Amino acid sequence: MGDELKLFLGECFVTVDEDGATNYLERIKEEKEAEIDKKQNDLDAIETKMKMLKTYLYAKFGSSINLEEDA
């Protein structure tokens, strides 16, 4: 509401206005969302490769191996 805010950056507080704080938080939020999206894409790629490898191993060894996780 027009007051100055203090952001905690590293080991110190920085005094900023409300608009500056809002812009900073939005930028950080967008960076973290992009990071999460990248990690989700990496996870999807790994899961796809894992399914392909499981299919290959079951085709080669049949039911003599167990590749399923214990729940």
PDB file of N, CA and C in Angstrom:
ATOM      1  N   MET A   1       0.827  -1.194   0.000  1.00  0.00           N
ATOM      2  CA  MET A   1       0.000   0.000   0.000  1.00  0.00           C
ATOM      3  C   MET A   1       0.869   1.254   0.000  1.00  0.00           C
ATOM      4  N   GLY A   2       1.914   1.235  -0.782  1.00  0.00           N
ATOM      5  CA  GLY A   2       2.780   2.400  -0.880  1.00  0.00           C
ATOM      6  C   GLY A   2       3.936   2.384   0.093  1.00  0.00           C
ATOM      7  N   ASP A   3       3.945   1.445   1.030  1.00  0.00           N
ATOM      8  CA  ASP A   3       5.045   1.358   1.989  1.00  0.00           C
ATOM      9  C   ASP A   3       6.229   0.640   1.356  1.00  0.00           C
ATOM     10  N   GLU A   4       7.391   0.883   1.931  1.00  0.00           N
ATOM     11  CA  GLU A   4       8.569   0.172   1.476  1.00  0.00           C
ATOM     12  C   GLU A   4       8.569  -1.225   2.079  1.00  0.00           C
ATOM     13  N   LEU A   5       9.092  -2.174   1.317  1.00  0.00           N
ATOM     14  CA  LEU A   5       9.178  -3.557   1.761  1.00  0.00           C
ATOM     15  C   LEU A   5      10.644  -3.956   1.857  1.00  0.00           C
ATOM     16  N   LYS A   6      10.908  -4.979   2.610  1.00  0.00           N
ATOM     17  CA  LYS A   6      12.274  -5.475   2.725  1.00  0.00           C
ATOM     18  C   LYS A   6      12.306  -6.899   2.179  1.00  0.00           C
ATOM     19  N   LEU A   7      13.164  -7.103   1.173  1.00  0.00           N
ATOM     20  CA  LEU A   7      13.375  -8.431   0.621  1.00  0.00           C
ATOM     21  C   LEU A   7      14.629  -9.011   1.245  1.00  0.00           C
ATOM     22  N   PHE A   8      14.568 -10.281   1.563  1.00  0.00           N
ATOM     23  CA  PHE A   8      15.724 -10.973   2.122  1.00  0.00           C
ATOM     24  C   PHE A   8      16.474 -11.625   0.968  1.00  0.00           C
ATOM     25  N   LEU A   9      17.616 -11.078   0.612  1.00  0.00           N
ATOM     26  CA  LEU A   9      18.443 -11.577  -0.485  1.00  0.00           C
ATOM     27  C   LEU A   9      19.798 -11.991   0.074  1.00  0.00           C
ATOM     28  N   GLY A  10      20.106 -13.258  -0.071  1.00  0.00           N
ATOM     29  CA  GLY A  10      21.381 -13.734   0.460  1.00  0.00           C
ATOM     30  C   GLY A  10      21.395 -13.658   1.973  1.00  0.00           C
ATOM     31  N   GLU A  11      22.227 -12.769   2.491  1.00  0.00           N
ATOM     32  CA  GLU A  11      22.335 -12.613   3.942  1.00  0.00           C
ATOM     33  C   GLU A  11      21.929 -11.224   4.406  1.00  0.00           C
ATOM     34  N   CYS A  12      21.215 -10.488   3.567  1.00  0.00           N
ATOM     35  CA  CYS A  12      20.838  -9.134   3.968  1.00  0.00           C
ATOM     36  C   CYS A  12      19.431  -8.800   3.484  1.00  0.00           C
ATOM     37  N   PHE A  13      18.887  -7.741   4.033  1.00  0.00           N
ATOM     38  CA  PHE A  13      17.590  -7.228   3.627  1.00  0.00           C
ATOM     39  C   PHE A  13      17.806  -6.037   2.704  1.00  0.00           C
ATOM     40  N   VAL A  14      17.010  -5.976   1.635  1.00  0.00           N
ATOM     41  CA  VAL A  14      17.077  -4.868   0.683  1.00  0.00           C
ATOM     42  C   VAL A  14      15.728  -4.168   0.699  1.00  0.00           C
ATOM     43  N   THR A  15      15.754  -2.857   0.841  1.00  0.00           N
ATOM     44  CA  THR A  15      14.520  -2.084   0.863  1.00  0.00           C
ATOM     45  C   THR A  15      14.095  -1.779  -0.573  1.00  0.00           C
ATOM     46  N   VAL A  16      12.847  -2.149  -0.910  1.00  0.00           N
ATOM     47  CA  VAL A  16      12.304  -1.912  -2.251  1.00  0.00           C
ATOM     48  C   VAL A  16      10.872  -1.420  -2.106  1.00  0.00           C
ATOM     49  N   ASP A  17      10.369  -0.825  -3.197  1.00  0.00           N
ATOM     50  CA  ASP A  17       8.960  -0.432  -3.168  1.00  0.00           C
ATOM     51  C   ASP A  17       8.102  -1.642  -3.547  1.00  0.00           C
ATOM     52  N   GLU A  18       6.803  -1.489  -3.442  1.00  0.00           N
ATOM     53  CA  GLU A  18       5.891  -2.602  -3.677  1.00  0.00           C
ATOM     54  C   GLU A  18       5.987  -3.120  -5.108  1.00  0.00           C
ATOM     55  N   ASP A  19       6.094  -2.227  -6.088  1.00  0.00           N
ATOM     56  CA  ASP A  19       6.199  -2.644  -7.485  1.00  0.00           C
ATOM     57  C   ASP A  19       7.479  -3.443  -7.725  1.00  0.00           C
ATOM     58  N   GLY A  20       8.570  -2.985  -7.164  1.00  0.00           N
ATOM     59  CA  GLY A  20       9.836  -3.694  -7.304  1.00  0.00           C
ATOM     60  C   GLY A  20       9.777  -5.084  -6.704  1.00  0.00           C
ATOM     61  N   ALA A  21       9.159  -5.190  -5.541  1.00  0.00           N
ATOM     62  CA  ALA A  21       9.036  -6.483  -4.878  1.00  0.00           C
ATOM     63  C   ALA A  21       8.137  -7.419  -5.690  1.00  0.00           C
ATOM     64  N   THR A  22       7.049  -6.886  -6.210  1.00  0.00           N
ATOM     65  CA  THR A  22       6.132  -7.691  -7.018  1.00  0.00           C
ATOM     66  C   THR A  22       6.829  -8.189  -8.279  1.00  0.00           C
ATOM     67  N   ASN A  23       7.552  -7.305  -8.958  1.00  0.00           N
ATOM     68  CA  ASN A  23       8.272  -7.702 -10.168  1.00  0.00           C
ATOM     69  C   ASN A  23       9.318  -8.768  -9.863  1.00  0.00           C
ATOM     70  N   TYR A  24      10.035  -8.592  -8.774  1.00  0.00           N
ATOM     71  CA  TYR A  24      11.061  -9.558  -8.379  1.00  0.00           C
ATOM     72  C   TYR A  24      10.431 -10.927  -8.113  1.00  0.00           C
ATOM     73  N   LEU A  25       9.342 -10.946  -7.357  1.00  0.00           N
ATOM     74  CA  LEU A  25       8.694 -12.211  -7.022  1.00  0.00           C
ATOM     75  C   LEU A  25       8.123 -12.889  -8.261  1.00  0.00           C
ATOM     76  N   GLU A  26       7.560 -12.128  -9.182  1.00  0.00           N
ATOM     77  CA  GLU A  26       7.043 -12.708 -10.420  1.00  0.00           C
ATOM     78  C   GLU A  26       8.167 -13.310 -11.253  1.00  0.00           C
ATOM     79  N   ARG A  27       9.307 -12.617 -11.320  1.00  0.00           N
ATOM     80  CA  ARG A  27      10.438 -13.134 -12.085  1.00  0.00           C
ATOM     81  C   ARG A  27      10.963 -14.431 -11.467  1.00  0.00           C
ATOM     82  N   ILE A  28      11.094 -14.454 -10.153  1.00  0.00           N
ATOM     83  CA  ILE A  28      11.553 -15.666  -9.463  1.00  0.00           C
ATOM     84  C   ILE A  28      10.565 -16.806  -9.677  1.00  0.00           C
ATOM     85  N   LYS A  29       9.276 -16.508  -9.608  1.00  0.00           N
ATOM     86  CA  LYS A  29       8.243 -17.530  -9.800  1.00  0.00           C
ATOM     87  C   LYS A  29       8.324 -18.109 -11.212  1.00  0.00           C
ATOM     88  N   GLU A  30       8.490 -17.264 -12.232  1.00  0.00           N
ATOM     89  CA  GLU A  30       8.604 -17.741 -13.606  1.00  0.00           C
ATOM     90  C   GLU A  30       9.844 -18.614 -13.782  1.00  0.00           C
ATOM     91  N   GLU A  31      10.958 -18.227 -13.168  1.00  0.00           N
ATOM     92  CA  GLU A  31      12.189 -19.025 -13.258  1.00  0.00           C
ATOM     93  C   GLU A  31      11.987 -20.396 -12.635  1.00  0.00           C
ATOM     94  N   LYS A  32      11.345 -20.435 -11.489  1.00  0.00           N
ATOM     95  CA  LYS A  32      11.126 -21.716 -10.809  1.00  0.00           C
ATOM     96  C   LYS A  32      10.146 -22.592 -11.578  1.00  0.00           C
ATOM     97  N   GLU A  33       9.113 -21.991 -12.178  1.00  0.00           N
ATOM     98  CA  GLU A  33       8.169 -22.763 -12.986  1.00  0.00           C
ATOM     99  C   GLU A  33       8.864 -23.341 -14.209  1.00  0.00           C
ATOM    100  N   ALA A  34       9.764 -22.575 -14.837  1.00  0.00           N
ATOM    101  CA  ALA A  34      10.519 -23.070 -15.987  1.00  0.00           C
ATOM    102  C   ALA A  34      11.433 -24.218 -15.555  1.00  0.00           C
ATOM    103  N   GLU A  35      12.028 -24.099 -14.384  1.00  0.00           N
ATOM    104  CA  GLU A  35      12.894 -25.156 -13.860  1.00  0.00           C
ATOM    105  C   GLU A  35      12.099 -26.427 -13.600  1.00  0.00           C
ATOM    106  N   ILE A  36      10.903 -26.285 -13.041  1.00  0.00           N
ATOM    107  CA  ILE A  36      10.036 -27.438 -12.780  1.00  0.00           C
ATOM    108  C   ILE A  36       9.624 -28.094 -14.094  1.00  0.00           C
ATOM    109  N   ASP A  37       9.263 -27.294 -15.097  1.00  0.00           N
ATOM    110  CA  ASP A  37       8.880 -27.834 -16.400  1.00  0.00           C
ATOM    111  C   ASP A  37      10.031 -28.623 -17.027  1.00  0.00           C
ATOM    112  N   LYS A  38      11.238 -28.094 -16.932  1.00  0.00           N
ATOM    113  CA  LYS A  38      12.402 -28.784 -17.497  1.00  0.00           C
ATOM    114  C   LYS A  38      12.628 -30.107 -16.781  1.00  0.00           C
ATOM    115  N   LYS A  39      12.528 -30.104 -15.465  1.00  0.00           N
ATOM    116  CA  LYS A  39      12.731 -31.336 -14.702  1.00  0.00           C
ATOM    117  C   LYS A  39      11.626 -32.347 -15.009  1.00  0.00           C
ATOM    118  N   GLN A  40      10.397 -31.882 -15.216  1.00  0.00           N
ATOM    119  CA  GLN A  40       9.303 -32.792 -15.563  1.00  0.00           C
ATOM    120  C   GLN A  40       9.542 -33.411 -16.935  1.00  0.00           C
ATOM    121  N   ASN A  41      10.038 -32.616 -17.887  1.00  0.00           N
ATOM    122  CA  ASN A  41      10.351 -33.140 -19.218  1.00  0.00           C
ATOM    123  C   ASN A  41      11.470 -34.171 -19.138  1.00  0.00           C
ATOM    124  N   ASP A  42      12.485 -33.895 -18.316  1.00  0.00           N
ATOM    125  CA  ASP A  42      13.570 -34.851 -18.123  1.00  0.00           C
ATOM    126  C   ASP A  42      13.043 -36.156 -17.523  1.00  0.00           C
ATOM    127  N   LEU A  43      12.159 -36.043 -16.543  1.00  0.00           N
ATOM    128  CA  LEU A  43      11.567 -37.217 -15.905  1.00  0.00           C
ATOM    129  C   LEU A  43      10.765 -38.026 -16.915  1.00  0.00           C
ATOM    130  N   ASP A  44       9.979 -37.358 -17.733  1.00  0.00           N
ATOM    131  CA  ASP A  44       9.187 -38.053 -18.754  1.00  0.00           C
ATOM    132  C   ASP A  44      10.087 -38.802 -19.726  1.00  0.00           C
ATOM    133  N   ALA A  45      11.191 -38.181 -20.130  1.00  0.00           N
ATOM    134  CA  ALA A  45      12.127 -38.833 -21.053  1.00  0.00           C
ATOM    135  C   ALA A  45      12.757 -40.062 -20.403  1.00  0.00           C
ATOM    136  N   ILE A  46      13.119 -39.957 -19.138  1.00  0.00           N
ATOM    137  CA  ILE A  46      13.722 -41.088 -18.433  1.00  0.00           C
ATOM    138  C   ILE A  46      12.713 -42.225 -18.279  1.00  0.00           C
ATOM    139  N   GLU A  47      11.465 -41.895 -17.946  1.00  0.00           N
ATOM    140  CA  GLU A  47      10.438 -42.927 -17.807  1.00  0.00           C
ATOM    141  C   GLU A  47      10.174 -43.630 -19.129  1.00  0.00           C
ATOM    142  N   THR A  48      10.187 -42.884 -20.229  1.00  0.00           N
ATOM    143  CA  THR A  48       9.992 -43.475 -21.550  1.00  0.00           C
ATOM    144  C   THR A  48      11.122 -44.444 -21.876  1.00  0.00           C
ATOM    145  N   LYS A  49      12.347 -44.028 -21.602  1.00  0.00           N
ATOM    146  CA  LYS A  49      13.499 -44.894 -21.856  1.00  0.00           C
ATOM    147  C   LYS A  49      13.448 -46.127 -20.967  1.00  0.00           C
ATOM    148  N   MET A  50      13.038 -45.952 -19.709  1.00  0.00           N
ATOM    149  CA  MET A  50      12.948 -47.071 -18.784  1.00  0.00           C
ATOM    150  C   MET A  50      11.907 -48.094 -19.270  1.00  0.00           C
ATOM    151  N   LYS A  51      10.781 -47.632 -19.771  1.00  0.00           N
ATOM    152  CA  LYS A  51       9.764 -48.548 -20.293  1.00  0.00           C
ATOM    153  C   LYS A  51      10.299 -49.321 -21.493  1.00  0.00           C
ATOM    154  N   MET A  52      11.044 -48.636 -22.358  1.00  0.00           N
ATOM    155  CA  MET A  52      11.617 -49.282 -23.523  1.00  0.00           C
ATOM    156  C   MET A  52      12.620 -50.367 -23.091  1.00  0.00           C
ATOM    157  N   LEU A  53      13.455 -50.050 -22.101  1.00  0.00           N
ATOM    158  CA  LEU A  53      14.424 -51.022 -21.615  1.00  0.00           C
ATOM    159  C   LEU A  53      13.748 -52.212 -20.921  1.00  0.00           C
ATOM    160  N   LYS A  54      12.689 -51.955 -20.174  1.00  0.00           N
ATOM    161  CA  LYS A  54      11.951 -53.045 -19.531  1.00  0.00           C
ATOM    162  C   LYS A  54      11.370 -53.983 -20.571  1.00  0.00           C
ATOM    163  N   THR A  55      10.809 -53.411 -21.632  1.00  0.00           N
ATOM    164  CA  THR A  55      10.234 -54.219 -22.704  1.00  0.00           C
ATOM    165  C   THR A  55      11.306 -55.102 -23.327  1.00  0.00           C
ATOM    166  N   TYR A  56      12.467 -54.521 -23.580  1.00  0.00           N
ATOM    167  CA  TYR A  56      13.579 -55.279 -24.163  1.00  0.00           C
ATOM    168  C   TYR A  56      14.016 -56.413 -23.234  1.00  0.00           C
ATOM    169  N   LEU A  57      14.170 -56.100 -21.944  1.00  0.00           N
ATOM    170  CA  LEU A  57      14.641 -57.115 -20.997  1.00  0.00           C
ATOM    171  C   LEU A  57      13.618 -58.227 -20.787  1.00  0.00           C
ATOM    172  N   TYR A  58      12.326 -57.885 -20.725  1.00  0.00           N
ATOM    173  CA  TYR A  58      11.310 -58.922 -20.593  1.00  0.00           C
ATOM    174  C   TYR A  58      11.258 -59.783 -21.845  1.00  0.00           C
ATOM    175  N   ALA A  59      11.477 -59.181 -23.016  1.00  0.00           N
ATOM    176  CA  ALA A  59      11.498 -59.966 -24.253  1.00  0.00           C
ATOM    177  C   ALA A  59      12.690 -60.924 -24.247  1.00  0.00           C
ATOM    178  N   LYS A  60      13.805 -60.499 -23.706  1.00  0.00           N
ATOM    179  CA  LYS A  60      15.006 -61.321 -23.708  1.00  0.00           C
ATOM    180  C   LYS A  60      14.977 -62.400 -22.620  1.00  0.00           C
ATOM    181  N   PHE A  61      14.548 -62.039 -21.412  1.00  0.00           N
ATOM    182  CA  PHE A  61      14.618 -62.965 -20.287  1.00  0.00           C
ATOM    183  C   PHE A  61      13.272 -63.529 -19.843  1.00  0.00           C
ATOM    184  N   GLY A  62      12.189 -63.030 -20.377  1.00  0.00           N
ATOM    185  CA  GLY A  62      10.866 -63.539 -20.010  1.00  0.00           C
ATOM    186  C   GLY A  62      10.527 -63.233 -18.567  1.00  0.00           C
ATOM    187  N   SER A  63       9.857 -64.183 -17.938  1.00  0.00           N
ATOM    188  CA  SER A  63       9.406 -63.967 -16.562  1.00  0.00           C
ATOM    189  C   SER A  63      10.458 -64.368 -15.530  1.00  0.00           C
ATOM    190  N   SER A  64      11.667 -64.691 -15.989  1.00  0.00           N
ATOM    191  CA  SER A  64      12.708 -65.081 -15.033  1.00  0.00           C
ATOM    192  C   SER A  64      13.333 -63.885 -14.320  1.00  0.00           C
ATOM    193  N   ILE A  65      12.951 -62.668 -14.693  1.00  0.00           N
ATOM    194  CA  ILE A  65      13.417 -61.476 -14.001  1.00  0.00           C
ATOM    195  C   ILE A  65      12.232 -60.682 -13.500  1.00  0.00           C
ATOM    196  N   ASN A  66      12.467 -59.909 -12.482  1.00  0.00           N
ATOM    197  CA  ASN A  66      11.414 -59.051 -11.939  1.00  0.00           C
ATOM    198  C   ASN A  66      11.927 -57.619 -11.908  1.00  0.00           C
ATOM    199  N   LEU A  67      11.377 -56.769 -12.752  1.00  0.00           N
ATOM    200  CA  LEU A  67      11.821 -55.377 -12.847  1.00  0.00           C
ATOM    201  C   LEU A  67      10.866 -54.395 -12.184  1.00  0.00           C
ATOM    202  N   GLU A  68       9.805 -54.903 -11.592  1.00  0.00           N
ATOM    203  CA  GLU A  68       8.824 -54.011 -10.978  1.00  0.00           C
ATOM    204  C   GLU A  68       9.294 -53.584  -9.600  1.00  0.00           C
ATOM    205  N   GLU A  69       8.933 -52.363  -9.239  1.00  0.00           N
ATOM    206  CA  GLU A  69       9.291 -51.830  -7.924  1.00  0.00           C
ATOM    207  C   GLU A  69       8.435 -52.492  -6.848  1.00  0.00           C
ATOM    208  N   ASP A  70       9.019 -52.687  -5.684  1.00  0.00           N
ATOM    209  CA  ASP A  70       8.247 -53.189  -4.540  1.00  0.00           C
ATOM    210  C   ASP A  70       7.495 -52.020  -3.952  1.00  0.00           C
ATOM    211  N   ALA A  71       6.200 -52.178  -3.778  1.00  0.00           N
ATOM    212  CA  ALA A  71       5.370 -51.094  -3.264  1.00  0.00           C
ATOM    213  C   ALA A  71       5.288 -51.092  -1.771  1.00  0.00           C
TER     214      ALA A  71
END
